[in-house]
Protein backbone atom coordinates (compact mmCIF):
# COMPACT_ATOMS: atom_id res chain seq x y z
CA MET A 1 -0.10 0.07 0.11
CA PHE A 2 1.59 3.38 -1.36
CA GLY A 3 1.03 6.79 -2.70
CA ARG A 4 -2.93 7.06 -3.44
CA THR A 5 -4.05 4.71 -1.82
CA GLU A 6 -1.66 5.17 1.54
CA ARG A 7 -3.27 8.80 1.70
CA LEU A 8 -7.29 7.12 1.37
CA PHE A 9 -6.27 4.51 4.05
CA TRP A 10 -5.20 7.70 6.73
CA ARG A 11 -7.69 10.14 5.74
CA GLY A 12 -10.27 7.16 6.69
CA GLN A 13 -8.49 5.98 10.06
CA ARG A 14 -8.67 9.70 10.54
CA ALA A 15 -12.30 10.07 9.70
CA LEU A 16 -13.60 6.70 11.44
CA SER A 17 -11.57 7.90 14.73
CA ARG A 18 -13.73 11.14 14.48
CA ARG A 19 -16.56 8.65 14.02
CA GLU A 20 -17.32 10.61 10.57
CA LEU A 21 -18.69 7.22 9.46
CA VAL A 22 -20.08 7.95 5.92
CA THR A 23 -16.55 9.40 5.09
CA ALA A 24 -14.65 6.82 6.65
CA GLU A 25 -16.48 4.40 4.67
CA THR A 26 -16.11 6.35 1.28
CA LEU A 27 -12.53 6.54 1.42
CA LEU A 28 -11.74 3.12 3.07
CA ARG A 29 -13.97 1.81 0.08
CA ALA A 30 -12.16 3.84 -2.24
CA ALA A 31 -8.55 2.27 -0.72
CA VAL A 32 -9.73 -1.01 -1.21
CA ALA A 33 -10.86 -0.89 -5.19
CA ARG A 34 -7.64 0.76 -5.18
CA ALA A 35 -5.78 -2.40 -3.10
CA PRO A 36 -8.44 -5.51 -3.30
CA HIS A 37 -5.55 -7.53 -1.82
CA ASP A 38 -4.92 -5.57 1.60
CA ALA A 39 -6.36 -7.45 4.10
CA HIS A 40 -6.00 -4.67 6.57
CA LEU A 41 -7.95 -1.68 4.16
CA HIS A 42 -10.80 -4.73 4.61
CA LEU A 43 -10.51 -4.94 8.49
CA TYR A 44 -10.73 -0.94 8.77
CA LEU A 45 -13.36 -0.93 6.45
CA ALA A 46 -15.53 -3.92 8.81
CA HIS A 47 -15.41 -1.29 11.57
CA ALA A 48 -16.60 1.63 9.58
CA LEU A 49 -19.69 -0.40 8.67
CA ALA A 50 -20.35 -1.81 12.32
CA GLU A 51 -19.88 1.32 13.77
CA GLN A 52 -22.71 2.47 11.12
CA ASP A 53 -24.55 -0.82 12.48
CA ARG A 54 -24.59 -2.49 9.11
CA LEU A 55 -23.14 -6.13 11.02
CA THR A 56 -23.56 -8.38 7.42
CA GLU A 57 -21.30 -6.37 5.34
CA ALA A 58 -18.85 -5.80 8.27
CA GLU A 59 -18.81 -9.53 8.23
CA GLN A 60 -17.81 -9.73 4.50
CA ALA A 61 -15.54 -7.40 4.54
CA LEU A 62 -14.01 -9.19 7.67
CA ALA A 63 -14.42 -12.32 5.58
CA GLN A 64 -12.02 -11.20 2.88
CA ALA A 65 -9.74 -9.90 5.64
CA VAL A 66 -9.68 -13.62 6.82
CA GLU A 67 -9.67 -14.98 2.68
CA LEU A 68 -6.55 -13.11 2.44
CA THR A 69 -4.65 -13.54 5.58
CA PRO A 70 -5.99 -16.77 7.45
CA SER A 71 -3.45 -16.76 9.72
CA ALA A 72 -3.34 -13.46 11.10
CA PHE A 73 -4.77 -13.43 14.61
CA VAL A 74 -6.02 -9.80 14.99
CA VAL A 75 -8.81 -10.19 11.95
CA HIS A 76 -10.43 -12.87 14.33
CA LEU A 77 -9.71 -10.76 17.05
CA HIS A 78 -11.01 -7.46 15.43
CA HIS A 79 -14.49 -10.23 14.16
CA ALA A 80 -15.32 -11.09 18.50
CA ILE A 81 -14.91 -7.34 18.80
CA ILE A 82 -17.18 -6.67 16.53
CA LEU A 83 -19.69 -9.31 17.18
CA LEU A 84 -19.10 -8.14 21.07
CA ASP A 85 -20.32 -4.75 20.61
CA ALA A 86 -23.62 -6.28 19.13
CA ARG A 87 -24.07 -8.44 21.63
CA ASP A 88 -23.78 -11.85 20.16
CA ALA A 89 -21.23 -13.30 22.87
CA GLU A 90 -21.79 -16.86 21.33
CA ARG A 91 -20.70 -16.28 18.01
CA ALA A 92 -18.14 -13.51 19.46
CA ARG A 93 -16.71 -16.82 21.72
CA THR A 94 -16.12 -18.72 18.62
CA ALA A 95 -14.21 -15.59 17.03
CA VAL A 96 -11.67 -15.17 19.93
CA THR A 97 -10.99 -18.87 20.27
CA ALA A 98 -9.50 -18.84 16.83
CA ALA A 99 -7.42 -15.72 17.50
CA SER A 100 -6.43 -17.53 20.73
CA ALA A 101 -5.43 -20.49 18.85
CA LEU A 102 -3.09 -18.37 16.57
CA ALA A 103 -2.06 -16.11 19.06
CA PRO A 104 -1.30 -18.14 22.54
CA GLY A 105 -0.23 -15.77 25.75
CA ASN A 106 -1.18 -12.40 23.49
CA ARG A 107 -2.83 -10.44 26.31
CA LEU A 108 -4.76 -8.20 24.63
CA VAL A 109 -6.67 -11.66 22.80
CA GLU A 110 -6.67 -13.61 26.63
CA GLY A 111 -8.55 -9.75 27.54
CA TYR A 112 -11.20 -10.20 25.31
CA ALA A 113 -11.36 -13.72 25.93
CA GLU A 114 -11.99 -13.13 29.48
CA LEU A 115 -14.67 -10.19 28.37
CA VAL A 116 -16.65 -12.22 26.11
CA ALA A 117 -17.02 -15.11 28.70
CA TRP A 118 -17.91 -12.29 31.18
CA ALA A 119 -20.52 -11.21 28.45
CA GLU A 120 -22.18 -15.24 27.69
CA ARG A 121 -22.41 -16.04 31.99
CA GLY A 122 -23.12 -12.61 33.83
CA GLY A 123 -22.12 -12.45 37.18
CA ALA A 124 -18.82 -11.32 38.38
CA PRO A 125 -16.15 -10.26 36.28
CA SER A 126 -13.06 -13.10 36.80
CA ARG A 127 -9.97 -12.46 38.49
CA ARG A 128 -8.39 -12.10 35.63
CA LEU A 129 -10.06 -9.98 33.63
CA ILE A 130 -9.77 -7.73 36.24
CA GLU A 131 -5.94 -7.99 36.17
CA LEU A 132 -5.93 -7.50 32.73
CA THR A 133 -8.10 -4.40 32.34
CA GLY A 134 -5.50 -2.86 34.28
CA GLU A 135 -2.68 -3.51 31.86
CA LEU A 136 -4.93 -3.20 28.45
CA PRO A 137 -5.77 -0.25 26.20
CA GLU A 138 -8.72 2.62 27.21
CA SER A 139 -10.64 0.64 24.20
CA PHE A 140 -11.11 -2.05 26.05
CA GLY A 141 -11.58 -0.39 29.11
CA ALA A 142 -14.69 0.98 28.11
CA ARG A 143 -16.00 -2.09 26.59
CA ALA A 144 -15.36 -3.52 29.95
CA LEU A 145 -17.08 -0.62 32.02
CA LEU A 146 -19.76 -0.91 29.88
CA HIS A 147 -20.75 -4.51 30.48
CA LEU A 148 -20.59 -3.76 34.29
CA ALA A 149 -22.93 -0.36 33.68
CA GLN A 150 -24.96 -2.80 31.34
CA LEU A 151 -25.02 -5.30 34.10
CA THR A 152 -25.80 -3.38 36.93
CA LEU A 153 -28.81 -1.66 35.08
CA GLU A 154 -30.16 -5.18 34.45
CA THR A 155 -30.04 -6.14 37.71
CA ARG A 156 -29.76 -3.53 39.87
CA GLY A 157 -31.57 -0.53 38.22
CA PRO A 158 -30.54 2.79 36.88
CA HIS A 159 -29.96 4.00 40.61
CA ALA A 160 -27.23 1.65 41.27
CA MET A 161 -25.80 2.05 38.15
CA LEU A 162 -24.44 5.23 38.97
CA ALA A 163 -22.11 3.56 41.10
CA VAL A 164 -20.28 2.63 37.77
CA LEU A 165 -18.22 6.04 37.23
CA GLU A 166 -17.36 6.59 41.08
CA PRO A 167 -13.47 6.27 41.67
CA PRO A 168 -12.44 5.11 45.38
CA ARG A 169 -13.21 7.65 48.00
CA GLU A 170 -10.28 9.55 49.31
CA PRO A 171 -10.57 11.19 52.72
CA PRO A 172 -10.36 14.93 52.71
CA GLY A 173 -7.47 16.73 54.16
CA LEU A 174 -7.83 17.70 57.94
CA PRO A 175 -7.92 21.98 58.74
CA LEU A 176 -4.46 22.01 60.70
CA GLY A 177 -6.92 23.71 63.55
CA LEU A 178 -8.82 20.06 63.82
CA TRP A 179 -5.66 17.70 63.90
CA LEU A 180 -3.44 19.81 66.45
CA ALA A 181 -6.93 20.08 68.81
CA ALA A 182 -6.80 16.18 67.97
CA LEU A 183 -3.58 15.73 69.19
CA ARG A 184 -4.64 15.87 72.94
CA TYR A 185 -6.63 12.86 72.52
CA ARG A 186 -5.73 9.33 72.37
CA ASP A 187 -9.30 8.38 71.57
CA ARG A 188 -10.25 10.05 68.22
CA VAL A 189 -13.76 9.32 68.30
CA ARG A 190 -14.19 10.62 71.78
CA TYR A 191 -12.87 14.19 70.23
CA ALA A 192 -15.33 14.02 67.71
CA GLU A 193 -17.85 13.22 70.37
CA GLU A 194 -16.62 16.61 72.05
CA LEU A 195 -17.32 18.56 69.13
CA VAL A 196 -20.87 17.62 68.75
CA GLU A 197 -21.55 17.71 72.47
CA ARG A 198 -20.12 21.55 72.70
CA ARG A 199 -22.52 21.92 68.36
CA ARG A 200 -19.69 22.16 66.43
CA PHE A 201 -21.61 19.53 64.09
CA GLY A 202 -19.84 21.00 60.82
CA GLU A 203 -15.98 20.41 62.20
CA ALA A 204 -17.27 16.77 64.00
CA VAL A 205 -18.11 15.92 60.25
CA ASP A 206 -15.02 17.39 58.77
CA PHE A 207 -12.66 15.85 61.18
CA MET A 208 -14.37 12.07 61.38
CA MET A 209 -14.45 12.35 56.91
CA ALA A 210 -10.86 12.87 57.17
CA GLU A 211 -10.20 10.01 59.50
CA PRO A 212 -11.35 7.03 57.38
CA ALA A 213 -10.18 4.99 59.77
CA LEU A 214 -12.80 5.96 63.14
CA MET A 215 -15.26 4.37 60.89
CA GLY A 216 -14.38 0.65 62.08
CA ASP A 217 -15.59 2.07 65.94
CA ALA A 218 -18.64 0.86 66.82
CA ARG A 219 -19.61 4.28 68.08
CA ALA A 220 -18.82 6.35 64.92
CA PRO A 221 -20.97 5.63 62.10
CA SER A 222 -24.32 7.17 64.58
CA LEU A 223 -22.10 9.96 65.54
CA LEU A 224 -21.42 10.83 62.09
CA GLU A 225 -24.97 10.72 61.28
CA ARG A 226 -25.55 12.93 64.62
CA ALA A 227 -22.96 15.27 63.44
CA ARG A 228 -24.46 15.86 60.00
CA ARG A 229 -28.08 16.26 61.34
CA GLY A 230 -26.91 18.43 63.36
CA ALA A 231 -25.01 20.37 60.70
CA LEU A 232 -27.76 20.62 58.30
CA ARG A 233 -30.20 21.81 61.18
CA ALA A 234 -27.88 24.62 61.60
CA LEU A 235 -27.96 25.63 57.86
CA GLU A 236 -31.55 26.00 57.73
CA GLY A 237 -32.99 29.50 56.81
CA THR A 238 -30.00 30.16 55.13
CA GLY A 239 -29.71 30.38 51.44
CA THR A 240 -26.36 31.86 50.13
CA ARG A 241 -24.80 29.76 47.28
CA MET A 242 -22.20 28.90 49.40
CA GLN A 243 -24.27 27.46 52.50
CA LEU A 244 -26.56 25.47 49.54
CA LEU A 245 -23.67 23.66 48.41
CA GLN A 246 -22.91 22.81 52.08
CA ARG A 247 -26.75 22.06 52.69
CA TYR A 248 -26.40 20.28 49.34
CA GLN A 249 -23.30 17.79 50.41
CA LEU A 250 -25.29 16.60 54.08
CA GLU A 251 -28.28 15.92 52.34
CA ASN A 252 -26.40 13.91 49.96
CA ASP A 253 -24.16 11.86 52.36
CA LEU A 254 -27.77 11.39 54.82
CA GLY A 255 -28.73 9.97 51.66
CA GLN A 256 -31.78 12.53 51.55
CA GLU A 257 -31.45 12.70 47.85
CA ASP A 258 -35.01 14.51 46.96
CA ALA A 259 -33.70 17.19 49.07
CA ALA A 260 -30.38 17.38 47.83
CA ARG A 261 -31.68 17.97 44.69
CA GLY A 262 -34.11 20.18 45.51
CA THR A 263 -31.23 22.07 46.70
CA LEU A 264 -28.80 21.83 43.64
CA VAL A 265 -32.02 23.45 41.57
CA SER A 266 -31.78 26.28 44.04
CA TRP A 267 -28.29 27.00 43.98
CA ARG A 268 -29.01 27.02 40.11
CA GLU A 269 -32.03 29.38 39.89
CA LEU A 270 -29.92 31.83 42.41
CA TYR A 271 -26.87 31.51 39.90
CA GLN A 272 -28.63 32.31 36.77
CA LEU A 273 -30.78 35.44 39.07
CA ALA A 274 -27.02 36.81 39.89
CA GLY A 275 -26.06 36.79 36.21
CA ALA A 276 -24.05 33.74 35.62
CA PRO A 277 -20.63 34.98 37.48
CA ARG A 278 -17.85 33.78 34.94
CA ALA A 279 -15.91 32.87 38.21
CA GLU A 280 -18.37 30.16 39.05
CA ARG A 281 -19.17 28.65 35.46
CA ALA A 282 -16.88 25.56 36.77
CA THR A 283 -19.37 24.86 39.94
CA ALA A 284 -22.30 25.40 37.94
CA ALA A 285 -21.24 22.70 35.13
CA ALA A 286 -20.71 20.35 38.27
CA VAL A 287 -23.94 21.13 39.54
CA LEU A 288 -25.75 20.49 36.08
CA ARG A 289 -23.77 17.27 36.00
CA ARG A 290 -24.69 16.29 39.40
CA LEU A 291 -28.27 17.09 38.68
CA ALA A 292 -27.55 14.86 35.21
CA GLU A 293 -26.66 12.06 37.08
CA LEU A 294 -29.60 12.00 39.72
CA GLU A 295 -31.86 12.29 36.75
CA VAL A 296 -29.76 8.97 35.66
CA GLY A 297 -30.69 7.48 38.77
CA ARG A 298 -34.40 7.89 38.40
CA GLY A 299 -34.22 6.81 34.74
CA ARG A 300 -35.12 9.97 33.01
CA TYR A 301 -32.27 9.49 30.39
CA THR A 302 -33.63 12.01 27.81
CA GLU A 303 -34.04 14.93 30.68
CA ALA A 304 -30.15 13.90 31.86
CA LEU A 305 -28.81 13.77 28.60
CA ALA A 306 -30.15 17.89 28.34
CA LEU A 307 -28.64 18.60 31.69
CA CYS A 308 -25.07 17.44 30.46
CA ALA A 309 -25.53 19.45 27.36
CA ALA A 310 -25.94 22.21 29.61
CA SER A 311 -23.29 21.46 31.82
CA ARG A 312 -20.89 21.02 28.64
CA GLY A 313 -21.45 24.57 27.38
CA LEU A 314 -20.46 26.00 30.68
CA ARG A 315 -17.21 23.70 30.98
CA ALA A 316 -16.32 20.60 29.09
CA GLU A 317 -15.67 17.98 31.44
CA ARG A 318 -14.97 14.32 31.07
CA ASP A 319 -17.11 13.19 33.49
CA THR A 320 -19.96 14.19 31.88
CA ALA A 321 -19.22 11.74 29.47
CA GLY A 322 -19.80 9.88 31.88
CA VAL A 323 -22.90 10.75 32.69
CA GLU A 324 -24.02 10.95 29.36
CA ALA A 325 -22.60 7.09 28.62
CA LEU A 326 -24.84 6.00 31.11
CA ALA A 327 -27.99 7.69 29.82
CA LEU A 328 -27.59 6.62 26.41
CA LEU A 329 -27.56 3.28 27.19
CA GLY A 330 -30.66 3.36 29.49
CA LEU A 331 -31.76 4.78 26.20
CA GLY A 332 -30.22 1.26 24.24
CA ASP A 333 -27.86 2.98 22.77
CA ARG A 334 -24.78 1.15 23.21
CA ARG A 335 -22.48 2.01 21.07
CA ALA A 336 -22.81 6.19 21.52
CA ALA A 337 -22.74 4.71 25.37
CA ARG A 338 -19.12 3.37 24.46
CA HIS A 339 -17.91 5.95 22.80
CA ALA A 340 -19.08 8.37 26.02
CA LEU A 341 -16.82 6.12 27.91
CA SER A 342 -13.77 5.76 25.80
CA ALA A 343 -13.87 9.78 26.30
CA PHE A 344 -14.67 9.49 29.74
CA LEU A 345 -11.72 7.20 30.20
CA LYS A 346 -9.29 8.86 27.93
CA ASP A 347 -6.04 10.06 29.77
CA ALA A 348 -7.51 9.72 33.16
CA LEU A 349 -6.57 7.63 36.26
CA PHE A 350 -9.54 6.45 36.43
CA ARG A 351 -9.14 2.63 37.62
CA VAL A 352 -11.71 0.61 35.21
CA ASP A 353 -9.50 -2.82 37.16
CA MET A 354 -10.52 -1.60 40.57
CA ARG A 355 -13.86 -0.73 39.62
CA LEU A 356 -14.62 -3.76 38.39
CA ALA A 357 -13.02 -5.64 41.97
CA GLY A 358 -15.14 -3.08 43.92
CA ALA A 359 -18.14 -4.30 41.62
CA THR A 360 -17.48 -8.18 42.23
CA ALA A 361 -19.02 -8.47 45.97
CA ALA A 362 -22.28 -6.56 44.68
CA SER A 363 -22.69 -8.88 41.18
CA PRO A 364 -25.08 -11.10 41.25
CA ALA A 365 -23.80 -15.13 41.33
């Protein structure tokens, strides 16, 4: 492949990566016409067709590639990926088995074999799949995360699906004053109790959230709830935007979802009444994204997508793509959901393997 054919292929690849699918198909077909014996061109054409949900034509292109290079494992692997995306796990298993026979020990092939097996059996992901997900490309991670979201939606509903996007929680930093005061106490829970007794509820919440080891003490969970409720009462009747955000956090931590949603709506109204200050656009985008998450949890996917679009209009964030992915999945558009998850994972520190491991205990057997 050289000259004009190579330029057509390169432009087709670029169009495919930008999801300009009709353009990609046109360019790749032109390349195939010039070099019909190049299996690589048929392979990329198959992907352009599969991305348009034209599975029969995609498989015809792959059959051409197999005929040209029957010993190339990558053709069988890509056939398995296309079938997996189409939720045809049984035929995907046949294709990935052929790839495994041609490339024993290839980690990408092994990863897709594990992913196909999980798609067939359901339940929890295998330990080997979790290990491989930590090593393989973002495109693989997006498919693994998509399957976890699909499985969670089908078995536990839209609200539980939101947890798929949550990274492991890290404790916030402890304010210097609280840290110094706590040094006088061997019993750290007792210090938190004294803060509550002195009605310093907000400081008690901050202290306990910054000391996650305290939650192993039998006194801690009820004490933390008491502190949160006290801090929430102290904010009653207040209405600045900062106070509303504090209220939202407490309501959210207490599981008061309807109240938390109402507080965010109030914050948004005040933000708009203040002329939508430019300095608060990042916060406004985060508020809209959180409202979108709450709509996903209610199964109101179209409303969630509208809020994501409004959030992106204020500030483009990769987290918004994650929420969009769940909404698209809820609407049955798996392909668009996968692309959104790829955008969510791009150059991110999000650990899909840790999310799979964290979901294992909650997955149905």
